[in-house]
Amino acid sequence: MKTGKVIGNIWATRKEEKLAGLKLLVIQPVNLLDDTPVEYPIVAADIIGAGVGEKVIYVAGSSARAAAGGSDIPVDATVVGIVDDQEIDEDMI
């Protein structure tokens, strides 16, 4: 699992049938320790109702397809949680 910040929405009128009903979000992957951006933004399916500005947990690859509804769903990333808070003991790093 990885963390990211929702920075936008994607709307696609025409898309693969298996994507019908899935909300698509733009996610900026972030460092878990300090929320700094890492990598480039990605598009992720949203199965939990996250919104712009929220920090989320997302999964990728086969875990993303399973979370979205099955191995035949054409997604690379799926939002599976909204982060309410976090606590990290930096002495343990």
PDB file of N, CA and C in Angstrom:
ATOM      1  N   MET A   1       0.841  -1.182   0.000  1.00  0.00           N
ATOM      2  CA  MET A   1       0.000   0.000   0.000  1.00  0.00           C
ATOM      3  C   MET A   1       0.881   1.238   0.000  1.00  0.00           C
ATOM      4  N   LYS A   2       0.350   2.290  -0.577  1.00  0.00           N
ATOM      5  CA  LYS A   2       1.062   3.558  -0.675  1.00  0.00           C
ATOM      6  C   LYS A   2       0.120   4.685  -0.257  1.00  0.00           C
ATOM      7  N   THR A   3       0.704   5.859   0.002  1.00  0.00           N
ATOM      8  CA  THR A   3      -0.115   7.014   0.352  1.00  0.00           C
ATOM      9  C   THR A   3      -0.025   8.070  -0.744  1.00  0.00           C
ATOM     10  N   GLY A   4      -1.088   8.842  -0.857  1.00  0.00           N
ATOM     11  CA  GLY A   4      -1.135   9.908  -1.846  1.00  0.00           C
ATOM     12  C   GLY A   4      -2.159  10.945  -1.451  1.00  0.00           C
ATOM     13  N   LYS A   5      -2.161  12.041  -2.184  1.00  0.00           N
ATOM     14  CA  LYS A   5      -3.139  13.109  -1.955  1.00  0.00           C
ATOM     15  C   LYS A   5      -3.982  13.235  -3.217  1.00  0.00           C
ATOM     16  N   VAL A   6      -5.292  13.315  -3.030  1.00  0.00           N
ATOM     17  CA  VAL A   6      -6.187  13.482  -4.168  1.00  0.00           C
ATOM     18  C   VAL A   6      -6.072  14.922  -4.646  1.00  0.00           C
ATOM     19  N   ILE A   7      -5.652  15.082  -5.911  1.00  0.00           N
ATOM     20  CA  ILE A   7      -5.468  16.435  -6.443  1.00  0.00           C
ATOM     21  C   ILE A   7      -6.441  16.751  -7.573  1.00  0.00           C
ATOM     22  N   GLY A   8      -7.301  15.804  -7.920  1.00  0.00           N
ATOM     23  CA  GLY A   8      -8.258  16.091  -8.985  1.00  0.00           C
ATOM     24  C   GLY A   8      -9.126  14.900  -9.345  1.00  0.00           C
ATOM     25  N   ASN A   9     -10.017  15.142 -10.274  1.00  0.00           N
ATOM     26  CA  ASN A   9     -10.923  14.117 -10.800  1.00  0.00           C
ATOM     27  C   ASN A   9     -10.668  13.945 -12.288  1.00  0.00           C
ATOM     28  N   ILE A  10     -11.035  12.786 -12.796  1.00  0.00           N
ATOM     29  CA  ILE A  10     -10.980  12.509 -14.237  1.00  0.00           C
ATOM     30  C   ILE A  10     -12.371  12.039 -14.640  1.00  0.00           C
ATOM     31  N   TRP A  11     -12.901  12.610 -15.713  1.00  0.00           N
ATOM     32  CA  TRP A  11     -14.166  12.149 -16.251  1.00  0.00           C
ATOM     33  C   TRP A  11     -13.914  11.611 -17.649  1.00  0.00           C
ATOM     34  N   ALA A  12     -14.455  10.451 -17.945  1.00  0.00           N
ATOM     35  CA  ALA A  12     -14.300   9.852 -19.267  1.00  0.00           C
ATOM     36  C   ALA A  12     -15.660   9.318 -19.704  1.00  0.00           C
ATOM     37  N   THR A  13     -16.270   9.996 -20.655  1.00  0.00           N
ATOM     38  CA  THR A  13     -17.579   9.567 -21.137  1.00  0.00           C
ATOM     39  C   THR A  13     -17.480   8.226 -21.852  1.00  0.00           C
ATOM     40  N   ARG A  14     -16.459   8.089 -22.671  1.00  0.00           N
ATOM     41  CA  ARG A  14     -16.231   6.832 -23.385  1.00  0.00           C
ATOM     42  C   ARG A  14     -15.069   6.116 -22.728  1.00  0.00           C
ATOM     43  N   LYS A  15     -15.313   4.898 -22.275  1.00  0.00           N
ATOM     44  CA  LYS A  15     -14.269   4.114 -21.614  1.00  0.00           C
ATOM     45  C   LYS A  15     -14.604   2.632 -21.696  1.00  0.00           C
ATOM     46  N   GLU A  16     -13.665   1.802 -21.361  1.00  0.00           N
ATOM     47  CA  GLU A  16     -13.843   0.350 -21.306  1.00  0.00           C
ATOM     48  C   GLU A  16     -15.061   0.038 -20.448  1.00  0.00           C
ATOM     49  N   GLU A  17     -15.885  -0.882 -20.910  1.00  0.00           N
ATOM     50  CA  GLU A  17     -17.135  -1.236 -20.206  1.00  0.00           C
ATOM     51  C   GLU A  17     -16.901  -1.595 -18.746  1.00  0.00           C
ATOM     52  N   LYS A  18     -15.804  -2.269 -18.451  1.00  0.00           N
ATOM     53  CA  LYS A  18     -15.546  -2.713 -17.080  1.00  0.00           C
ATOM     54  C   LYS A  18     -15.218  -1.550 -16.138  1.00  0.00           C
ATOM     55  N   LEU A  19     -14.985  -0.363 -16.698  1.00  0.00           N
ATOM     56  CA  LEU A  19     -14.750   0.821 -15.867  1.00  0.00           C
ATOM     57  C   LEU A  19     -16.038   1.574 -15.544  1.00  0.00           C
ATOM     58  N   ALA A  20     -17.144   1.142 -16.147  1.00  0.00           N
ATOM     59  CA  ALA A  20     -18.437   1.805 -15.908  1.00  0.00           C
ATOM     60  C   ALA A  20     -18.753   1.786 -14.418  1.00  0.00           C
ATOM     61  N   GLY A  21     -19.121   2.954 -13.899  1.00  0.00           N
ATOM     62  CA  GLY A  21     -19.493   3.055 -12.489  1.00  0.00           C
ATOM     63  C   GLY A  21     -18.330   3.355 -11.555  1.00  0.00           C
ATOM     64  N   LEU A  22     -17.099   3.297 -12.063  1.00  0.00           N
ATOM     65  CA  LEU A  22     -15.950   3.609 -11.214  1.00  0.00           C
ATOM     66  C   LEU A  22     -15.613   5.090 -11.311  1.00  0.00           C
ATOM     67  N   LYS A  23     -15.470   5.725 -10.168  1.00  0.00           N
ATOM     68  CA  LYS A  23     -15.017   7.120 -10.106  1.00  0.00           C
ATOM     69  C   LYS A  23     -13.503   7.108 -10.285  1.00  0.00           C
ATOM     70  N   LEU A  24     -12.977   8.052 -11.061  1.00  0.00           N
ATOM     71  CA  LEU A  24     -11.543   8.124 -11.304  1.00  0.00           C
ATOM     72  C   LEU A  24     -10.971   9.396 -10.694  1.00  0.00           C
ATOM     73  N   LEU A  25      -9.884   9.246  -9.963  1.00  0.00           N
ATOM     74  CA  LEU A  25      -9.247  10.366  -9.280  1.00  0.00           C
ATOM     75  C   LEU A  25      -7.812  10.531  -9.752  1.00  0.00           C
ATOM     76  N   VAL A  26      -7.297  11.753  -9.643  1.00  0.00           N
ATOM     77  CA  VAL A  26      -5.881  12.014  -9.868  1.00  0.00           C
ATOM     78  C   VAL A  26      -5.222  12.034  -8.490  1.00  0.00           C
ATOM     79  N   ILE A  27      -4.233  11.173  -8.311  1.00  0.00           N
ATOM     80  CA  ILE A  27      -3.553  11.017  -7.026  1.00  0.00           C
ATOM     81  C   ILE A  27      -2.094  11.433  -7.171  1.00  0.00           C
ATOM     82  N   GLN A  28      -1.634  12.288  -6.263  1.00  0.00           N
ATOM     83  CA  GLN A  28      -0.213  12.610  -6.197  1.00  0.00           C
ATOM     84  C   GLN A  28       0.398  11.731  -5.112  1.00  0.00           C
ATOM     85  N   PRO A  29       1.207  10.728  -5.493  1.00  0.00           N
ATOM     86  CA  PRO A  29       1.864   9.917  -4.466  1.00  0.00           C
ATOM     87  C   PRO A  29       2.709  10.810  -3.548  1.00  0.00           C
ATOM     88  N   VAL A  30       2.678  10.524  -2.250  1.00  0.00           N
ATOM     89  CA  VAL A  30       3.426  11.324  -1.281  1.00  0.00           C
ATOM     90  C   VAL A  30       4.241  10.427  -0.357  1.00  0.00           C
ATOM     91  N   ASN A  31       5.317  11.008   0.179  1.00  0.00           N
ATOM     92  CA  ASN A  31       6.149  10.340   1.164  1.00  0.00           C
ATOM     93  C   ASN A  31       5.348  10.207   2.457  1.00  0.00           C
ATOM     94  N   LEU A  32       5.335   9.035   3.031  1.00  0.00           N
ATOM     95  CA  LEU A  32       4.559   8.779   4.248  1.00  0.00           C
ATOM     96  C   LEU A  32       5.016   9.625   5.428  1.00  0.00           C
ATOM     97  N   LEU A  33       6.311   9.942   5.486  1.00  0.00           N
ATOM     98  CA  LEU A  33       6.842  10.667   6.637  1.00  0.00           C
ATOM     99  C   LEU A  33       6.532  12.157   6.632  1.00  0.00           C
ATOM    100  N   ASP A  34       6.629  12.801   5.453  1.00  0.00           N
ATOM    101  CA  ASP A  34       6.482  14.256   5.452  1.00  0.00           C
ATOM    102  C   ASP A  34       5.535  14.785   4.371  1.00  0.00           C
ATOM    103  N   ASP A  35       4.825  13.903   3.705  1.00  0.00           N
ATOM    104  CA  ASP A  35       3.832  14.268   2.685  1.00  0.00           C
ATOM    105  C   ASP A  35       4.407  14.999   1.477  1.00  0.00           C
ATOM    106  N   THR A  36       5.726  14.923   1.263  1.00  0.00           N
ATOM    107  CA  THR A  36       6.290  15.536   0.062  1.00  0.00           C
ATOM    108  C   THR A  36       5.967  14.663  -1.150  1.00  0.00           C
ATOM    109  N   PRO A  37       5.721  15.287  -2.293  1.00  0.00           N
ATOM    110  CA  PRO A  37       5.396  14.518  -3.501  1.00  0.00           C
ATOM    111  C   PRO A  37       6.550  13.616  -3.922  1.00  0.00           C
ATOM    112  N   VAL A  38       6.187  12.423  -4.375  1.00  0.00           N
ATOM    113  CA  VAL A  38       7.148  11.489  -4.964  1.00  0.00           C
ATOM    114  C   VAL A  38       6.554  11.010  -6.287  1.00  0.00           C
ATOM    115  N   GLU A  39       7.387  10.818  -7.262  1.00  0.00           N
ATOM    116  CA  GLU A  39       6.928  10.344  -8.565  1.00  0.00           C
ATOM    117  C   GLU A  39       5.984  11.355  -9.224  1.00  0.00           C
ATOM    118  N   TYR A  40       5.304  10.898 -10.269  1.00  0.00           N
ATOM    119  CA  TYR A  40       4.340  11.712 -10.999  1.00  0.00           C
ATOM    120  C   TYR A  40       2.924  11.374 -10.545  1.00  0.00           C
ATOM    121  N   PRO A  41       1.963  12.277 -10.728  1.00  0.00           N
ATOM    122  CA  PRO A  41       0.565  11.953 -10.400  1.00  0.00           C
ATOM    123  C   PRO A  41       0.084  10.756 -11.220  1.00  0.00           C
ATOM    124  N   ILE A  42      -0.865  10.032 -10.663  1.00  0.00           N
ATOM    125  CA  ILE A  42      -1.429   8.853 -11.317  1.00  0.00           C
ATOM    126  C   ILE A  42      -2.954   8.962 -11.321  1.00  0.00           C
ATOM    127  N   VAL A  43      -3.592   8.134 -12.128  1.00  0.00           N
ATOM    128  CA  VAL A  43      -5.050   8.011 -12.125  1.00  0.00           C
ATOM    129  C   VAL A  43      -5.383   6.739 -11.362  1.00  0.00           C
ATOM    130  N   ALA A  44      -6.331   6.821 -10.443  1.00  0.00           N
ATOM    131  CA  ALA A  44      -6.725   5.673  -9.632  1.00  0.00           C
ATOM    132  C   ALA A  44      -8.242   5.557  -9.589  1.00  0.00           C
ATOM    133  N   ALA A  45      -8.719   4.331  -9.569  1.00  0.00           N
ATOM    134  CA  ALA A  45     -10.138   4.084  -9.347  1.00  0.00           C
ATOM    135  C   ALA A  45     -10.432   4.349  -7.873  1.00  0.00           C
ATOM    136  N   ASP A  46     -11.610   4.890  -7.595  1.00  0.00           N
ATOM    137  CA  ASP A  46     -12.003   5.206  -6.218  1.00  0.00           C
ATOM    138  C   ASP A  46     -13.216   4.369  -5.849  1.00  0.00           C
ATOM    139  N   ILE A  47     -13.060   3.468  -4.881  1.00  0.00           N
ATOM    140  CA  ILE A  47     -14.175   2.607  -4.467  1.00  0.00           C
ATOM    141  C   ILE A  47     -14.744   3.015  -3.119  1.00  0.00           C
ATOM    142  N   ILE A  48     -14.202   4.102  -2.524  1.00  0.00           N
ATOM    143  CA  ILE A  48     -14.639   4.470  -1.175  1.00  0.00           C
ATOM    144  C   ILE A  48     -15.204   5.881  -1.053  1.00  0.00           C
ATOM    145  N   GLY A  49     -15.141   6.675  -2.114  1.00  0.00           N
ATOM    146  CA  GLY A  49     -15.710   8.016  -2.063  1.00  0.00           C
ATOM    147  C   GLY A  49     -14.776   9.087  -1.549  1.00  0.00           C
ATOM    148  N   ALA A  50     -13.496   8.999  -1.882  1.00  0.00           N
ATOM    149  CA  ALA A  50     -12.533  10.028  -1.475  1.00  0.00           C
ATOM    150  C   ALA A  50     -12.765  11.305  -2.275  1.00  0.00           C
ATOM    151  N   GLY A  51     -12.264  12.414  -1.754  1.00  0.00           N
ATOM    152  CA  GLY A  51     -12.443  13.693  -2.430  1.00  0.00           C
ATOM    153  C   GLY A  51     -11.151  14.465  -2.539  1.00  0.00           C
ATOM    154  N   VAL A  52     -11.173  15.504  -3.349  1.00  0.00           N
ATOM    155  CA  VAL A  52      -9.999  16.346  -3.573  1.00  0.00           C
ATOM    156  C   VAL A  52      -9.510  16.912  -2.238  1.00  0.00           C
ATOM    157  N   GLY A  53      -8.206  16.856  -2.029  1.00  0.00           N
ATOM    158  CA  GLY A  53      -7.587  17.364  -0.813  1.00  0.00           C
ATOM    159  C   GLY A  53      -7.351  16.316   0.258  1.00  0.00           C
ATOM    160  N   GLU A  54      -7.941  15.142   0.119  1.00  0.00           N
ATOM    161  CA  GLU A  54      -7.787  14.115   1.150  1.00  0.00           C
ATOM    162  C   GLU A  54      -6.535  13.282   0.915  1.00  0.00           C
ATOM    163  N   LYS A  55      -5.907  12.875   2.020  1.00  0.00           N
ATOM    164  CA  LYS A  55      -4.789  11.937   1.957  1.00  0.00           C
ATOM    165  C   LYS A  55      -5.389  10.540   1.943  1.00  0.00           C
ATOM    166  N   VAL A  56      -4.916   9.705   1.033  1.00  0.00           N
ATOM    167  CA  VAL A  56      -5.518   8.384   0.860  1.00  0.00           C
ATOM    168  C   VAL A  56      -4.461   7.291   0.859  1.00  0.00           C
ATOM    169  N   ILE A  57      -4.941   6.074   1.041  1.00  0.00           N
ATOM    170  CA  ILE A  57      -4.132   4.866   0.879  1.00  0.00           C
ATOM    171  C   ILE A  57      -4.595   4.232  -0.419  1.00  0.00           C
ATOM    172  N   TYR A  58      -3.633   3.850  -1.259  1.00  0.00           N
ATOM    173  CA  TYR A  58      -4.006   3.190  -2.507  1.00  0.00           C
ATOM    174  C   TYR A  58      -3.131   1.971  -2.733  1.00  0.00           C
ATOM    175  N   VAL A  59      -3.647   1.051  -3.519  1.00  0.00           N
ATOM    176  CA  VAL A  59      -2.918  -0.153  -3.877  1.00  0.00           C
ATOM    177  C   VAL A  59      -2.727  -0.161  -5.387  1.00  0.00           C
ATOM    178  N   ALA A  60      -1.748  -0.924  -5.833  1.00  0.00           N
ATOM    179  CA  ALA A  60      -1.435  -0.974  -7.261  1.00  0.00           C
ATOM    180  C   ALA A  60      -1.376  -2.424  -7.744  1.00  0.00           C
ATOM    181  N   GLY A  61      -1.348  -2.570  -9.069  1.00  0.00           N
ATOM    182  CA  GLY A  61      -1.198  -3.885  -9.677  1.00  0.00           C
ATOM    183  C   GLY A  61      -2.382  -4.794  -9.459  1.00  0.00           C
ATOM    184  N   SER A  62      -2.099  -6.077  -9.215  1.00  0.00           N
ATOM    185  CA  SER A  62      -3.186  -7.050  -9.059  1.00  0.00           C
ATOM    186  C   SER A  62      -4.058  -6.740  -7.849  1.00  0.00           C
ATOM    187  N   SER A  63      -3.486  -6.132  -6.809  1.00  0.00           N
ATOM    188  CA  SER A  63      -4.284  -5.739  -5.640  1.00  0.00           C
ATOM    189  C   SER A  63      -5.299  -4.670  -6.018  1.00  0.00           C
ATOM    190  N   ALA A  64      -4.915  -3.770  -6.930  1.00  0.00           N
ATOM    191  CA  ALA A  64      -5.824  -2.714  -7.389  1.00  0.00           C
ATOM    192  C   ALA A  64      -6.987  -3.315  -8.166  1.00  0.00           C
ATOM    193  N   ARG A  65      -6.695  -4.281  -9.018  1.00  0.00           N
ATOM    194  CA  ARG A  65      -7.759  -4.927  -9.788  1.00  0.00           C
ATOM    195  C   ARG A  65      -8.707  -5.701  -8.873  1.00  0.00           C
ATOM    196  N   ALA A  66      -8.150  -6.415  -7.912  1.00  0.00           N
ATOM    197  CA  ALA A  66      -8.988  -7.166  -6.971  1.00  0.00           C
ATOM    198  C   ALA A  66      -9.881  -6.227  -6.170  1.00  0.00           C
ATOM    199  N   ALA A  67      -9.315  -5.117  -5.700  1.00  0.00           N
ATOM    200  CA  ALA A  67     -10.096  -4.161  -4.913  1.00  0.00           C
ATOM    201  C   ALA A  67     -11.199  -3.523  -5.738  1.00  0.00           C
ATOM    202  N   ALA A  68     -10.937  -3.316  -7.035  1.00  0.00           N
ATOM    203  CA  ALA A  68     -11.925  -2.669  -7.909  1.00  0.00           C
ATOM    204  C   ALA A  68     -13.023  -3.626  -8.350  1.00  0.00           C
ATOM    205  N   GLY A  69     -12.849  -4.912  -8.106  1.00  0.00           N
ATOM    206  CA  GLY A  69     -13.921  -5.838  -8.426  1.00  0.00           C
ATOM    207  C   GLY A  69     -13.548  -7.094  -9.163  1.00  0.00           C
ATOM    208  N   GLY A  70     -12.306  -7.252  -9.559  1.00  0.00           N
ATOM    209  CA  GLY A  70     -11.910  -8.490 -10.210  1.00  0.00           C
ATOM    210  C   GLY A  70     -10.670  -8.346 -11.054  1.00  0.00           C
ATOM    211  N   SER A  71     -10.048  -9.459 -11.357  1.00  0.00           N
ATOM    212  CA  SER A  71      -8.786  -9.446 -12.095  1.00  0.00           C
ATOM    213  C   SER A  71      -8.935  -8.975 -13.537  1.00  0.00           C
ATOM    214  N   ASP A  72     -10.177  -8.875 -14.012  1.00  0.00           N
ATOM    215  CA  ASP A  72     -10.389  -8.415 -15.387  1.00  0.00           C
ATOM    216  C   ASP A  72     -10.703  -6.921 -15.480  1.00  0.00           C
ATOM    217  N   ILE A  73     -10.661  -6.200 -14.364  1.00  0.00           N
ATOM    218  CA  ILE A  73     -10.903  -4.751 -14.363  1.00  0.00           C
ATOM    219  C   ILE A  73      -9.602  -4.054 -14.772  1.00  0.00           C
ATOM    220  N   PRO A  74      -9.603  -3.220 -15.808  1.00  0.00           N
ATOM    221  CA  PRO A  74      -8.363  -2.615 -16.298  1.00  0.00           C
ATOM    222  C   PRO A  74      -7.924  -1.373 -15.515  1.00  0.00           C
ATOM    223  N   VAL A  75      -7.492  -1.578 -14.264  1.00  0.00           N
ATOM    224  CA  VAL A  75      -6.976  -0.473 -13.453  1.00  0.00           C
ATOM    225  C   VAL A  75      -5.584  -0.830 -12.946  1.00  0.00           C
ATOM    226  N   ASP A  76      -4.769   0.193 -12.743  1.00  0.00           N
ATOM    227  CA  ASP A  76      -3.423   0.010 -12.193  1.00  0.00           C
ATOM    228  C   ASP A  76      -3.334   0.462 -10.743  1.00  0.00           C
ATOM    229  N   ALA A  77      -4.307   1.279 -10.287  1.00  0.00           N
ATOM    230  CA  ALA A  77      -4.298   1.779  -8.915  1.00  0.00           C
ATOM    231  C   ALA A  77      -5.742   1.956  -8.444  1.00  0.00           C
ATOM    232  N   THR A  78      -5.972   1.646  -7.170  1.00  0.00           N
ATOM    233  CA  THR A  78      -7.306   1.795  -6.573  1.00  0.00           C
ATOM    234  C   THR A  78      -7.169   2.380  -5.168  1.00  0.00           C
ATOM    235  N   VAL A  79      -7.958   3.407  -4.877  1.00  0.00           N
ATOM    236  CA  VAL A  79      -7.991   4.001  -3.543  1.00  0.00           C
ATOM    237  C   VAL A  79      -8.784   3.075  -2.634  1.00  0.00           C
ATOM    238  N   VAL A  80      -8.166   2.683  -1.497  1.00  0.00           N
ATOM    239  CA  VAL A  80      -8.815   1.741  -0.589  1.00  0.00           C
ATOM    240  C   VAL A  80      -9.017   2.302   0.815  1.00  0.00           C
ATOM    241  N   GLY A  81      -8.533   3.515   1.089  1.00  0.00           N
ATOM    242  CA  GLY A  81      -8.717   4.099   2.412  1.00  0.00           C
ATOM    243  C   GLY A  81      -8.459   5.593   2.415  1.00  0.00           C
ATOM    244  N   ILE A  82      -9.094   6.273   3.351  1.00  0.00           N
ATOM    245  CA  ILE A  82      -8.867   7.699   3.579  1.00  0.00           C
ATOM    246  C   ILE A  82      -8.147   7.827   4.916  1.00  0.00           C
ATOM    247  N   VAL A  83      -7.020   8.527   4.917  1.00  0.00           N
ATOM    248  CA  VAL A  83      -6.212   8.673   6.130  1.00  0.00           C
ATOM    249  C   VAL A  83      -6.838   9.742   7.016  1.00  0.00           C
ATOM    250  N   ASP A  84      -7.226   9.345   8.221  1.00  0.00           N
ATOM    251  CA  ASP A  84      -7.751  10.294   9.201  1.00  0.00           C
ATOM    252  C   ASP A  84      -6.617  10.951   9.980  1.00  0.00           C
ATOM    253  N   ASP A  85      -5.623  10.141  10.332  1.00  0.00           N
ATOM    254  CA  ASP A  85      -4.499  10.615  11.129  1.00  0.00           C
ATOM    255  C   ASP A  85      -3.407   9.561  11.026  1.00  0.00           C
ATOM    256  N   GLN A  86      -2.200   9.935  11.415  1.00  0.00           N
ATOM    257  CA  GLN A  86      -1.117   8.969  11.459  1.00  0.00           C
ATOM    258  C   GLN A  86      -0.151   9.360  12.546  1.00  0.00           C
ATOM    259  N   GLU A  87       0.553   8.377  13.074  1.00  0.00           N
ATOM    260  CA  GLU A  87       1.548   8.612  14.102  1.00  0.00           C
ATOM    261  C   GLU A  87       2.752   7.758  13.762  1.00  0.00           C
ATOM    262  N   ILE A  88       3.901   8.403  13.609  1.00  0.00           N
ATOM    263  CA  ILE A  88       5.129   7.694  13.265  1.00  0.00           C
ATOM    264  C   ILE A  88       6.189   8.055  14.274  1.00  0.00           C
ATOM    265  N   ASP A  89       6.801   7.046  14.876  1.00  0.00           N
ATOM    266  CA  ASP A  89       7.899   7.273  15.810  1.00  0.00           C
ATOM    267  C   ASP A  89       9.178   7.374  14.992  1.00  0.00           C
ATOM    268  N   GLU A  90       9.637   8.591  14.746  1.00  0.00           N
ATOM    269  CA  GLU A  90      10.792   8.819  13.886  1.00  0.00           C
ATOM    270  C   GLU A  90      12.078   8.282  14.502  1.00  0.00           C
ATOM    271  N   ASP A  91      12.086   7.989  15.808  1.00  0.00           N
ATOM    272  CA  ASP A  91      13.256   7.372  16.432  1.00  0.00           C
ATOM    273  C   ASP A  91      13.435   5.936  15.970  1.00  0.00           C
ATOM    274  N   MET A  92      12.388   5.359  15.423  1.00  0.00           N
ATOM    275  CA  MET A  92      12.423   3.953  14.987  1.00  0.00           C
ATOM    276  C   MET A  92      12.874   3.828  13.537  1.00  0.00           C
ATOM    277  N   ILE A  93      13.076   4.960  12.870  1.00  0.00           N
ATOM    278  CA  ILE A  93      13.446   4.919  11.446  1.00  0.00           C
ATOM    279  C   ILE A  93      14.944   4.821  11.292  1.00  0.00           C
TER     280      ILE A  93
END
